[in-house]
Protein backbone atom coordinates (compact mmCIF):
# COMPACT_ATOMS: atom_id res chain seq x y z
CA MET A 1 0.13 -0.03 0.16
CA ALA A 2 1.66 3.54 -1.04
CA GLU A 3 0.63 6.54 1.03
CA GLY A 4 1.58 10.36 0.56
CA VAL A 5 4.04 11.45 2.86
CA MET A 6 6.34 14.89 3.56
CA VAL A 7 10.07 14.37 3.32
CA THR A 8 12.47 16.76 4.85
CA TYR A 9 15.91 17.53 6.06
CA ASN A 10 17.89 20.26 7.74
CA TYR A 11 20.24 22.27 5.57
CA SER A 12 22.64 25.23 6.46
CA ASP A 13 25.50 26.57 3.97
CA THR A 14 26.97 27.83 6.86
CA GLY A 15 27.29 25.13 9.29
CA GLU A 16 25.83 27.36 11.90
CA HIS A 17 22.58 25.94 13.69
CA ALA A 18 21.28 29.42 14.05
CA ASN A 19 20.95 29.47 9.96
CA ILE A 20 19.42 26.00 9.41
CA LEU A 21 16.77 25.89 7.11
CA THR A 22 14.34 23.05 6.48
CA VAL A 23 14.12 21.97 2.96
CA SER A 24 11.08 19.75 2.07
CA ALA A 25 9.02 17.93 -0.63
CA SER A 26 6.14 15.40 -1.02
CA GLY A 27 6.87 11.85 -1.32
CA ILE A 28 5.38 8.29 -1.62
CA LYS A 29 5.95 5.66 0.96
CA TYR A 30 5.32 2.07 0.27
CA SER A 31 6.03 -1.35 1.70
CA ASN A 32 6.70 0.27 5.22
CA ARG A 33 10.54 0.82 4.07
CA TRP A 34 10.96 2.85 1.07
CA VAL A 35 10.02 6.19 0.22
CA LEU A 36 10.36 7.69 -3.50
CA THR A 37 10.47 11.52 -3.76
CA HIS A 38 11.49 13.67 -6.43
CA GLY A 39 15.23 15.46 -7.17
CA SER A 40 14.03 18.92 -6.51
CA ILE A 41 14.49 18.52 -2.88
CA LEU A 42 18.19 18.23 -3.53
CA SER A 43 18.20 21.71 -5.13
CA PRO A 44 20.21 23.58 -2.02
CA LEU A 45 22.96 21.05 -1.78
CA LYS A 46 26.06 21.00 -3.43
CA GLN A 47 25.42 17.43 -4.45
CA ALA A 48 22.84 18.97 -6.76
CA LYS A 49 25.62 20.46 -8.95
CA ILE A 50 27.28 16.88 -9.27
CA ILE A 51 23.91 15.36 -10.36
CA LYS A 52 23.41 18.29 -12.96
CA GLU A 53 26.96 17.51 -14.41
CA ALA A 54 26.57 13.88 -14.27
CA ARG A 55 24.10 14.19 -17.30
CA GLY A 56 22.14 11.26 -16.33
CA LYS A 57 24.96 8.81 -15.92
CA PRO A 58 24.50 6.98 -12.68
CA ILE A 59 25.96 8.06 -9.49
CA LEU A 60 27.20 5.07 -7.67
CA ASN A 61 30.34 6.24 -5.36
CA ASP A 62 30.02 5.92 -1.65
CA GLU A 63 31.57 9.10 -1.12
CA PHE A 64 28.76 10.95 -2.73
CA TYR A 65 25.75 9.19 -0.49
CA ASN A 66 28.08 9.68 2.72
CA THR A 67 27.90 13.31 2.45
CA LEU A 68 23.93 13.15 2.02
CA PRO A 69 21.84 14.44 4.87
CA GLU A 70 19.52 12.39 7.10
CA MET A 71 15.95 12.63 5.85
CA TYR A 72 12.88 13.04 7.85
CA VAL A 73 9.55 11.34 6.66
CA THR A 74 6.25 12.61 8.03
CA CYS A 75 3.14 10.45 7.53
CA GLU A 76 -0.21 10.41 8.89
CA LYS A 77 -0.88 8.68 12.33
CA GLY A 78 -0.66 4.70 12.01
CA GLY A 79 1.41 1.97 13.44
CA GLN A 80 3.07 2.33 16.91
CA LEU A 81 5.60 4.93 16.31
CA ALA A 82 5.78 7.86 18.36
CA ASN A 83 3.42 11.26 17.88
CA VAL A 84 5.38 14.06 17.35
CA TYR A 85 2.32 15.93 18.81
CA GLN A 86 2.46 14.19 21.98
CA GLY A 87 3.26 17.06 24.33
CA VAL A 88 0.66 19.57 22.50
CA GLU A 89 -1.86 16.55 22.87
CA ARG A 90 -1.23 16.16 26.49
CA LEU A 91 -1.43 19.73 27.23
CA SER A 92 -4.55 20.36 25.41
CA ARG A 93 -6.21 17.40 27.33
CA GLU A 94 -5.61 19.25 30.18
CA ARG A 95 -7.33 22.27 29.23
CA THR A 96 -10.43 20.68 27.72
CA ALA A 97 -12.83 17.87 28.52
CA ARG A 98 -13.67 17.10 24.80
CA ASP A 99 -10.67 14.45 24.44
CA ALA A 100 -12.16 12.73 21.34
CA GLU A 101 -11.57 15.67 19.16
CA LEU A 102 -8.07 15.57 19.66
CA GLU A 103 -8.09 11.98 18.11
CA HIS A 104 -8.63 13.35 14.75
CA SER A 105 -6.19 12.77 12.21
CA SER A 106 -5.31 16.24 11.56
CA TYR A 107 -3.72 16.58 15.22
CA GLN A 108 -1.60 13.58 14.75
CA ALA A 109 1.56 12.84 12.82
CA ARG A 110 4.50 10.85 13.11
CA VAL A 111 8.19 11.26 11.78
CA VAL A 112 10.62 8.49 10.90
CA THR A 113 14.24 9.21 9.71
CA GLY A 114 15.92 7.48 6.60
CA ARG A 115 18.72 7.52 4.35
CA ILE A 116 18.92 8.18 0.60
CA CYS A 117 19.80 5.13 -1.07
CA HIS A 118 19.81 5.82 -4.64
CA ILE A 119 19.50 8.79 -6.86
CA TRP A 120 18.84 8.59 -10.92
CA GLN A 121 18.06 10.74 -13.82
CA CYS A 122 15.05 9.12 -16.00
CA PRO A 123 16.02 9.44 -19.84
CA ILE A 124 12.87 9.51 -21.24
CA LEU A 125 11.74 12.56 -18.96
CA ASP A 126 14.99 14.11 -19.55
CA ARG A 127 14.44 14.11 -23.31
CA CYS A 128 10.91 15.69 -22.84
CA VAL A 129 12.50 18.48 -20.89
CA ASP A 130 15.09 19.25 -24.07
CA ASP A 131 12.24 18.82 -26.66
CA ILE A 132 9.24 20.46 -24.97
CA LEU A 133 10.29 22.52 -21.88
CA TYR A 134 13.41 24.22 -23.34
CA SER A 135 11.81 27.46 -23.19
CA TRP A 136 10.25 27.19 -19.63
CA THR A 137 11.00 28.71 -16.27
CA ILE A 138 11.09 26.26 -13.71
CA GLY A 139 9.77 27.48 -10.33
CA HIS A 140 9.65 31.10 -9.15
CA ARG A 141 10.46 34.06 -11.29
CA ASP A 142 12.20 35.60 -8.52
CA GLY A 143 16.22 35.69 -8.05
CA ASP A 144 18.61 34.59 -10.74
CA VAL A 145 15.99 33.05 -13.00
CA GLU A 146 18.48 31.41 -15.56
CA LYS A 147 20.74 29.54 -12.97
CA GLN A 148 17.23 28.73 -11.08
CA THR A 149 15.77 27.15 -14.37
CA GLN A 150 18.83 25.39 -15.37
CA LEU A 151 19.11 23.53 -12.02
CA GLY A 152 15.22 22.96 -12.04
CA LYS A 153 15.52 21.51 -15.43
CA ALA A 154 18.41 19.38 -14.51
CA LEU A 155 16.58 17.87 -11.36
CA LEU A 156 13.03 17.61 -13.03
CA SER A 157 13.90 14.19 -14.36
CA VAL A 158 15.74 13.11 -11.06
CA PHE A 159 14.28 10.81 -8.57
CA VAL A 160 15.16 9.83 -5.02
CA LEU A 161 14.82 6.81 -3.18
CA ILE A 162 14.98 6.72 0.76
CA ASP A 163 15.40 3.87 2.96
CA LEU A 164 13.66 3.88 6.19
CA GLU A 165 15.21 0.78 7.70
CA SER A 166 18.98 0.33 6.59
CA ASP A 167 21.78 2.90 8.08
CA ASN A 168 23.71 1.95 4.77
CA LYS A 169 24.17 5.03 3.38
CA GLY A 170 25.14 3.64 -0.06
CA LEU A 171 22.94 0.89 -0.39
CA LYS A 172 22.16 -0.13 -4.07
CA THR A 173 19.40 -2.26 -5.07
CA LEU A 174 16.80 -2.23 -7.82
CA ARG A 175 14.57 -4.50 -5.88
CA PRO A 176 12.43 -1.74 -4.22
CA LEU A 177 11.93 -0.05 -7.68
CA SER A 178 10.94 -3.17 -8.95
CA GLU A 179 8.61 -3.73 -6.11
CA LEU A 180 6.89 -0.24 -6.78
CA LEU A 181 6.44 -0.99 -10.72
CA ASP A 182 4.47 -4.10 -9.43
CA MET A 183 2.16 -1.92 -7.70
CA VAL A 184 1.77 1.07 -9.97
CA ARG A 185 -1.23 1.04 -12.72
CA PRO A 186 -0.52 2.11 -16.51
CA PRO A 187 -0.67 5.90 -17.65
CA PRO A 188 -3.85 7.12 -17.71
CA GLU A 189 -5.37 8.70 -20.97
CA ARG A 190 -6.37 12.13 -21.53
CA GLY A 191 -9.93 13.14 -19.67
CA THR A 192 -9.34 10.61 -16.87
CA ASN A 193 -10.30 11.88 -13.36
CA ILE A 194 -7.08 11.80 -11.09
CA GLU A 195 -6.26 12.96 -7.53
CA VAL A 196 -2.85 14.40 -6.13
CA HIS A 197 -1.97 13.79 -2.49
CA SER A 198 0.79 16.01 -1.48
CA THR A 199 1.86 18.47 1.27
CA PRO A 200 2.34 22.09 -0.07
CA PHE A 201 4.97 24.57 1.38
CA GLY A 202 6.53 21.56 3.30
CA CYS A 203 3.91 22.48 6.12
CA GLU A 204 2.42 19.67 8.43
CA VAL A 205 -0.83 21.63 8.51
CA PHE A 206 -1.36 20.75 4.75
CA LEU A 207 -0.15 17.08 5.09
CA ASN A 208 -1.73 14.71 2.38
CA ALA A 209 -3.71 17.54 0.89
CA VAL A 210 -5.80 16.11 -1.80
CA THR A 211 -6.72 18.03 -5.02
CA ARG A 212 -8.65 16.51 -7.88
CA GLY A 213 -8.57 17.18 -11.50
CA SER A 214 -8.07 15.51 -14.68
CA VAL A 215 -5.48 14.34 -17.19
CA CYS A 216 -5.32 17.18 -19.78
CA GLY A 217 -2.73 16.03 -22.00
CA VAL A 218 -0.09 13.21 -22.56
CA VAL A 219 3.36 14.10 -23.87
CA GLY A 220 5.57 11.41 -25.45
CA LYS A 221 4.58 8.08 -26.76
CA ARG A 222 5.68 6.13 -23.75
CA PRO A 223 4.58 8.44 -22.41
CA ALA A 224 7.10 10.74 -20.63
CA LEU A 225 4.52 13.43 -19.04
CA LEU A 226 1.18 13.76 -17.83
CA LEU A 227 -0.45 17.36 -17.84
CA THR A 228 -3.19 17.91 -15.08
CA ASP A 229 -5.49 20.73 -13.94
CA ALA A 230 -5.39 19.60 -10.40
CA ALA A 231 -3.93 22.65 -8.55
CA THR A 232 -0.67 22.08 -6.62
CA ALA A 233 1.62 24.21 -4.85
CA LEU A 234 5.47 24.44 -4.40
CA GLY A 235 6.60 21.36 -2.29
CA SER A 236 4.07 19.07 -4.02
CA GLU A 237 6.78 17.62 -6.07
CA GLY A 238 7.11 14.09 -5.28
CA GLY A 239 3.28 13.64 -4.20
CA PRO A 240 1.56 10.44 -5.32
CA VAL A 241 -1.06 10.87 -8.43
CA TYR A 242 -4.11 8.07 -7.97
CA THR A 243 -6.84 7.54 -10.32
CA ALA A 244 -9.98 9.24 -8.84
CA GLY A 245 -12.68 6.98 -7.41
CA PRO A 246 -13.12 4.39 -4.52
CA THR A 247 -10.55 1.98 -5.85
CA LYS A 248 -7.85 4.53 -5.93
CA GLU A 249 -4.73 3.19 -8.18
CA LEU A 250 -1.25 4.87 -8.05
CA VAL A 251 -0.38 6.16 -11.65
CA GLY A 252 2.27 8.84 -11.16
CA VAL A 253 4.24 11.39 -9.36
CA VAL A 254 4.31 15.08 -9.33
CA VAL A 255 7.51 16.42 -10.95
CA CYS A 256 6.47 20.16 -11.28
CA SER A 257 4.20 22.50 -9.46
CA VAL A 258 5.13 25.98 -10.50
CA SER A 259 6.43 26.98 -13.83
CA TRP A 260 6.55 29.74 -16.40
CA TRP A 261 6.28 29.99 -20.14
CA ARG A 262 6.61 33.05 -22.62
CA GLY A 263 5.98 35.13 -19.13
CA GLU A 264 2.94 33.17 -18.35
CA TRP A 265 2.34 31.11 -15.43
CA VAL A 266 1.48 27.41 -16.42
CA GLY A 267 -1.43 26.62 -14.56
CA LEU A 268 -1.02 22.65 -14.99
CA THR A 269 0.87 20.57 -12.78
CA LEU A 270 3.50 18.50 -14.49
CA THR A 271 3.45 14.56 -13.52
CA ALA A 272 5.38 11.71 -14.57
CA PRO A 273 3.82 8.30 -15.11
CA LEU A 274 5.56 6.20 -12.59
CA ARG A 275 5.17 2.81 -14.99
CA SER A 276 6.94 4.66 -17.71
CA ILE A 277 9.70 5.97 -15.20
CA LEU A 278 10.21 2.87 -13.64
CA ALA A 279 10.43 0.66 -16.60
CA ALA A 280 13.02 2.98 -18.34
CA LYS A 281 14.99 2.69 -15.10
CA LEU A 282 14.69 -1.01 -14.79
CA ARG A 283 15.20 -1.29 -18.60
CA VAL A 284 11.72 -3.17 -19.09
CA PRO A 285 10.71 -3.47 -22.52
CA ALA A 286 8.55 -0.37 -23.54
CA ASP A 287 5.75 -2.40 -24.69
CA CYS A 288 4.93 -3.48 -21.15
CA VAL A 289 3.87 0.09 -20.30
CA MET A 290 0.24 0.11 -22.00
CA ARG A 291 -1.71 3.06 -21.36
CA ALA A 292 -4.86 2.53 -19.56
CA ALA A 293 -7.74 2.18 -21.95
CA PRO A 294 -10.43 5.06 -21.54
CA SER A 295 -13.99 4.10 -21.31
CA PRO A 296 -15.85 3.79 -24.56
CA LEU A 297 -17.79 7.18 -23.76
CA LEU A 298 -14.71 9.06 -23.00
CA ARG A 299 -12.96 7.86 -26.08
CA GLU A 300 -16.09 8.70 -28.14
CA ILE A 301 -15.87 12.19 -26.51
CA LEU A 302 -12.21 12.73 -27.04
CA ASP A 303 -12.30 11.48 -30.67
CA ASN A 304 -15.09 14.18 -31.43
CA ILE A 305 -12.83 16.84 -29.84
CA ASP A 306 -9.85 15.65 -31.58
CA ARG A 307 -11.60 15.93 -35.15
CA VAL A 308 -13.04 19.25 -34.49
CA THR A 309 -10.01 21.17 -32.59
CA MET A 310 -7.16 22.29 -35.37
CA LEU A 311 -3.89 24.04 -34.68
CA VAL A 312 -3.43 27.39 -36.33
CA ARG A 313 -0.29 28.91 -36.98
CA CYS A 314 0.69 32.46 -38.56
CA GLY A 315 4.23 33.37 -38.39
CA ALA A 316 5.37 33.32 -34.96
CA SER A 317 1.78 33.15 -33.42
CA TRP A 318 -0.21 30.07 -33.00
CA GLY A 319 -3.68 29.27 -31.28
CA ALA A 320 -6.54 26.74 -31.99
CA GLY A 321 -9.25 26.65 -34.40
CA VAL A 322 -12.78 25.05 -34.89
CA TYR A 323 -13.58 23.28 -37.98
CA LEU A 324 -16.95 24.29 -39.28
CA GLY A 325 -17.14 22.01 -42.36
CA GLY A 326 -16.66 22.89 -45.91
CA GLY A 327 -13.09 24.17 -45.43
CA PHE A 328 -14.07 26.85 -43.12
CA VAL A 329 -12.28 27.27 -39.74
CA LEU A 330 -13.25 29.75 -36.86
CA THR A 331 -10.31 30.92 -34.78
CA CYS A 332 -9.31 34.56 -32.86
CA ALA A 333 -8.28 37.73 -34.84
CA HIS A 334 -5.26 38.16 -32.85
CA VAL A 335 -3.81 34.44 -33.89
CA VAL A 336 -3.88 35.73 -37.43
CA LYS A 337 -3.10 39.30 -36.77
CA ASN A 338 0.03 39.13 -39.26
CA HIS A 339 -1.62 37.22 -41.79
CA ALA A 340 -0.80 39.80 -44.61
CA SER A 341 2.74 39.16 -44.22
CA SER A 342 2.79 35.23 -42.77
CA LYS A 343 1.63 32.34 -44.04
CA VAL A 344 -1.52 30.69 -42.30
CA SER A 345 -1.09 27.08 -41.48
CA LEU A 346 -3.63 24.44 -40.10
CA TYR A 347 -2.65 21.08 -38.55
CA CYS A 348 -5.03 18.51 -37.32
CA GLN A 349 -4.85 14.64 -37.24
CA ASN A 350 -1.71 14.35 -39.13
CA VAL A 351 -2.53 16.71 -41.77
CA LYS A 352 -0.89 20.06 -42.75
CA GLU A 353 -2.46 22.64 -45.12
CA THR A 354 -2.37 26.52 -45.46
CA ALA A 355 -5.56 28.59 -45.26
CA ILE A 356 -6.58 32.10 -46.07
CA VAL A 357 -8.14 34.72 -44.05
CA ARG A 358 -11.99 35.48 -45.18
CA TYR A 359 -12.85 37.72 -42.37
CA LYS A 360 -11.03 39.16 -39.38
CA SER A 361 -12.51 41.47 -36.82
CA ALA A 362 -10.67 44.64 -35.97
CA ASP A 363 -7.74 44.71 -33.81
CA ASP A 364 -8.58 44.79 -29.84
CA LYS A 365 -12.28 44.91 -30.47
CA ALA A 366 -15.13 42.54 -29.62
CA TYR A 367 -15.25 40.09 -30.79
CA ASP A 368 -11.94 38.95 -31.28
CA LEU A 369 -13.02 36.34 -34.20
CA ALA A 370 -11.41 35.32 -37.62
CA LEU A 371 -12.94 33.21 -40.37
CA LEU A 372 -10.54 31.06 -42.32
CA PHE A 373 -10.95 28.96 -45.65
CA THR A 374 -8.83 26.28 -46.49
CA ASN A 375 -8.98 23.54 -49.34
CA PRO A 376 -11.90 21.12 -47.92
CA GLN A 377 -10.74 18.08 -49.59
CA CYS A 378 -7.87 18.08 -47.16
CA TRP A 379 -9.97 17.46 -44.45
CA THR A 380 -12.77 15.01 -45.26
CA HIS A 381 -11.55 13.22 -42.15
CA LEU A 382 -12.77 15.68 -39.65
CA LEU A 383 -16.19 16.45 -38.18
CA PRO A 384 -18.09 19.86 -38.66
CA ALA A 385 -18.46 21.25 -35.22
CA GLY A 386 -21.69 20.90 -33.51
CA PHE A 387 -23.05 23.97 -31.93
CA SER A 388 -25.34 24.36 -28.86
CA ASP A 389 -28.68 26.24 -29.67
CA SER A 390 -29.12 27.10 -25.98
CA PRO A 391 -26.65 29.61 -23.84
CA VAL A 392 -24.86 27.97 -20.97
CA LYS A 393 -25.94 28.81 -17.61
CA LYS A 394 -23.69 29.89 -14.52
CA GLY A 395 -22.07 26.91 -12.76
CA GLU A 396 -22.39 24.51 -15.60
CA SER A 397 -19.67 21.98 -16.30
CA VAL A 398 -17.59 22.72 -19.50
CA LEU A 399 -14.22 21.33 -21.42
CA ALA A 400 -11.72 23.56 -23.18
CA ALA A 401 -9.32 22.56 -26.06
CA GLY A 402 -6.18 24.17 -27.32
CA TYR A 403 -2.71 23.66 -28.18
CA PRO A 404 -0.42 25.51 -25.61
CA TYR A 405 2.62 23.24 -25.76
CA PHE A 406 3.98 20.82 -28.27
CA ASN A 407 7.18 19.95 -29.79
CA GLU A 408 7.57 22.05 -33.20
CA ASN A 409 9.70 19.44 -34.66
CA ASN A 410 7.33 16.48 -34.37
CA LEU A 411 3.69 17.08 -35.08
CA GLU A 412 2.91 13.63 -35.67
CA GLY A 413 -0.07 12.72 -33.69
CA LEU A 414 -0.62 15.90 -32.13
CA LYS A 415 -3.58 16.02 -29.88
CA PRO A 416 -5.23 19.12 -28.14
CA THR A 417 -4.91 19.45 -24.54
CA VAL A 418 -8.19 19.45 -22.87
CA THR A 419 -8.95 21.16 -19.64
CA PHE A 420 -12.07 20.83 -17.39
CA GLY A 421 -13.91 23.56 -15.51
CA HIS A 422 -17.41 25.17 -15.05
CA VAL A 423 -18.93 28.45 -16.08
CA ASN A 424 -18.04 31.31 -13.55
CA ASN A 425 -20.19 33.99 -15.25
CA VAL A 426 -21.99 34.43 -18.29
CA SER A 427 -23.77 37.42 -20.56
CA PRO A 428 -25.29 37.50 -23.86
CA SER A 429 -21.46 38.77 -25.14
CA MET A 430 -19.25 36.93 -22.84
CA ILE A 431 -18.63 33.63 -21.13
CA GLN A 432 -16.13 33.51 -18.24
CA THR A 433 -14.87 29.82 -17.31
CA SER A 434 -12.69 28.16 -14.59
CA CYS A 435 -10.98 25.93 -17.42
CA CYS A 436 -7.14 26.41 -17.42
CA ILE A 437 -6.33 28.39 -20.35
CA GLN A 438 -2.78 29.38 -21.66
CA SER A 439 -1.52 30.95 -24.78
CA GLY A 440 -2.24 28.46 -27.61
CA PHE A 441 -6.04 28.13 -26.44
CA SER A 442 -7.26 31.11 -28.34
CA GLY A 443 -9.55 30.45 -30.84
CA GLY A 444 -10.20 27.12 -29.41
CA PRO A 445 -13.78 25.73 -28.35
CA ILE A 446 -15.53 25.43 -24.98
CA PHE A 447 -17.47 22.32 -25.03
CA ARG A 448 -20.71 21.43 -23.41
CA VAL A 449 -20.87 17.58 -23.04
CA ASN A 450 -24.18 15.89 -23.06
CA GLY A 451 -23.55 12.02 -23.20
CA SER A 452 -21.30 11.52 -26.05
CA ARG A 453 -22.35 14.94 -27.53
CA THR A 454 -19.54 17.78 -27.68
CA ASP A 455 -21.75 21.06 -28.41
CA VAL A 456 -19.46 24.25 -28.73
CA VAL A 457 -20.92 26.90 -26.82
CA GLY A 458 -17.97 29.61 -27.00
CA ILE A 459 -14.86 30.56 -28.77
CA ILE A 460 -11.89 31.04 -26.12
CA VAL A 461 -10.23 34.51 -26.63
CA SER A 462 -8.04 35.11 -23.62
CA ASN A 463 -7.12 34.43 -19.79
CA THR A 464 -6.93 37.21 -17.46
CA LYS A 465 -3.59 39.48 -17.06
CA THR A 466 -2.83 42.52 -15.00
CA LYS A 467 -1.15 45.41 -16.44
CA ALA A 468 2.01 44.01 -14.27
CA GLY A 469 1.95 41.02 -16.33
CA ALA A 470 0.70 38.70 -13.77
CA CYS A 471 -1.48 35.76 -15.66
CA TYR A 472 -4.41 33.98 -14.09
CA PRO A 473 -5.19 30.90 -16.21
CA TYR A 474 -8.12 29.82 -14.10
CA ILE A 475 -10.04 33.07 -15.06
CA ASN A 476 -10.77 33.22 -18.75
CA MET A 477 -13.12 34.48 -21.16
CA ALA A 478 -14.90 33.42 -24.36
CA VAL A 479 -17.32 34.46 -26.87
CA PRO A 480 -20.68 32.78 -26.77
CA SER A 481 -21.61 31.12 -30.15
CA THR A 482 -25.17 32.31 -29.80
CA ALA A 483 -23.34 36.06 -30.46
CA PHE A 484 -21.80 34.90 -33.82
CA LEU A 485 -23.12 31.61 -35.08
CA LYS A 486 -26.26 32.71 -37.23
CA LEU A 487 -24.11 35.32 -38.98
CA ILE A 488 -21.31 32.63 -39.91
CA GLN A 489 -23.93 30.23 -41.08
CA ASN A 490 -25.52 32.85 -43.29
CA PHE A 491 -21.93 33.67 -44.76
CA ILE A 492 -21.29 30.04 -45.63
CA LEU A 493 -24.73 29.67 -47.38
CA ASN A 494 -24.53 33.25 -49.14
CA ARG A 495 -21.01 34.24 -48.96
CA ASP A 496 -21.89 37.87 -48.42
CA GLU A 497 -18.95 39.24 -46.88
CA LYS A 498 -20.49 42.56 -45.95
CA LYS A 499 -22.96 40.76 -43.48
CA LEU A 500 -19.72 39.29 -41.40
CA SER A 501 -18.60 42.88 -40.44
CA THR A 502 -21.88 42.88 -38.03
CA ILE A 503 -20.00 40.33 -36.09
CA GLU A 504 -18.10 43.47 -34.65
CA ASN A 505 -20.57 44.33 -32.02
CA LYS A 506 -20.07 48.12 -31.66
CA ARG A 507 -22.28 48.57 -28.52
CA GLU A 508 -20.16 50.24 -25.84
CA ILE A 509 -21.50 48.19 -23.18
CA VAL A 510 -20.35 44.98 -25.08
CA GLN A 511 -16.96 46.76 -25.69
CA SER A 512 -16.39 47.99 -22.29
CA GLN A 513 -17.01 44.72 -21.03
CA TRP A 514 -14.57 43.18 -23.28
CA ARG A 515 -12.10 45.93 -21.91
CA LEU A 516 -12.75 44.61 -18.54
CA LEU A 517 -14.15 47.99 -17.18
CA PRO A 518 -10.77 48.99 -16.71
CA TYR A 519 -12.29 52.03 -14.54
CA ARG A 520 -13.64 49.84 -11.81
CA SER A 521 -11.23 46.72 -12.27
CA LYS A 522 -8.24 45.74 -10.55
CA ILE A 523 -6.62 44.07 -13.80
C-alpha cells in the first residue's frame, strides 16, 4: 500500500545551527520501508551540481551518498511509532474535556528517519525537457531566473529513493523499484479523473492535502509526462497521483508544480507516469507500459474533440481553431493578426494545409474572431463542429481545448490539450470559465458535454492578465456561440462578406465589458 508523505531535512550553507533551514518535498511511502521523492528536494545541496554535471550517468560512489543529509519522513497517524504532537496533545487534554476531538488525524503525525540510498535521472523525462520544456522557467521567477531554471530542469527528471530501515547510506538495489513497479498501474489517458496527494510548502498543517482534476494532455509515446489541471503548490513535487474513485490506483508522481512559459504562469501541474519512469530505469521493454484504456464514452468524447479542434499557426503566433465544415475554420483574430505578411497553416489529425483569411475583426475589439478558408478536400476526415442552440448557465460544467505546448519538430500524433472547469459567469456577450487556459488556446472551443455529444458553446479569447504582467489561467473569457453563429452560417450559405462585419458588436457596453471595465477593475 502506498501513501503520501512529507520528506524534509535540515540544511545550512554555513554550518551554523542558527542558520539551519528545513527543505521539504512530498513523497510516496510504500512497503513500510521505502520512500520515493523528487529530485527538486536536493536543489540547495552542493550534490545537486554533481547531479547536473553527471548528465544522466548513474551516481554510484559511496563518497557521494555518505555526504547526503539524514531525511525525515512525516506520515499520517498509524502504527506504534511516536506521535510528534504528543506533548501538545497532553497539554490540550488538560485544558478541555472534549478529548475525542484530539484524536482527529489533523492533530496527529509521526516522523521516521531514513537515508538516501539511490538517485537517478530518467532518460525519457530528460528528453522531454529538451524537446518540450526548453523555453520554460521552472519554479518562481524571482532571483536568478536563469540559474534557477537550469538547475530546475536538470533536477526535473531526477528521482530519489529513501530507505527507512537500513543505516547503509550507499545501499544500491533495484529490488524496491521493482516492487513499486508491480504496484503502479498503466498511465491514464486524457480525460481521466485523477487525485493528487501532497504537502504544499512543506507545512505539516497541509499534510497529504488532496486536489482533484483530470489528465489534460499526454506527452511522449511511452509517455513521459502527464499534464493535469489538479491545482498544486511548491512542495508538492514527489507527491503521489492516483486515479479518482473508490478504488484509487497509483499512476504517477508530481515533478513540477510551478513553472512559467513565455512570461505566463503555467496553471497545469506536470506529473510523470510512474510505470514509464520505473520501466525505463529497470530497462523493462517499452511494450509493457501499456496505457490504461479510457471508457468507450470518454474515447468517443475525445475523438469528437480531436476531429473538431485544429492547430492554427501564423508566423510566430499560434492558437486553436474550430472546424465548421466545407473548409471553413473559426479562430481568434489576434492569432492571425499578421496574416498579410505570414502564411497561415492548419494542423489536425496528421494533416497540414495552408489557409486564407476571409474575415478578421478589428484589432482589440469585440468580438476577437476570424474566419479562415482552406481546401475542404484535405479535411474529409474531420467532423464539422456541432454548436449548442441554447446558452450556457452559470455553474455548468464545460471543457476547453487548445494547443499550448507541443514539439515544433514533431507534430505527428498531435492532439489538443483538454482542460475541465465550469462557467463562472455568463452574459449574452461573454462567457467566463474556470478551465485552465494558456497561450495556444485562443480560438479554441468551449464544449458542453451531454452524453457523447460535444457541442461548442463558445470560442476562447484570452485568460486574465494584470498590467504588471501577472497571468491568471483559471479566469478566462470566451465569445458565446449565440453571439456569432447565425452570422457565420449565413455567410457560408450566401458568401456575403458585408454581413460578416456585423460580428463586430459596436455597442459600448459590450466593448467596455471586453475591456474588462478598466475604470472599475483591478486588472
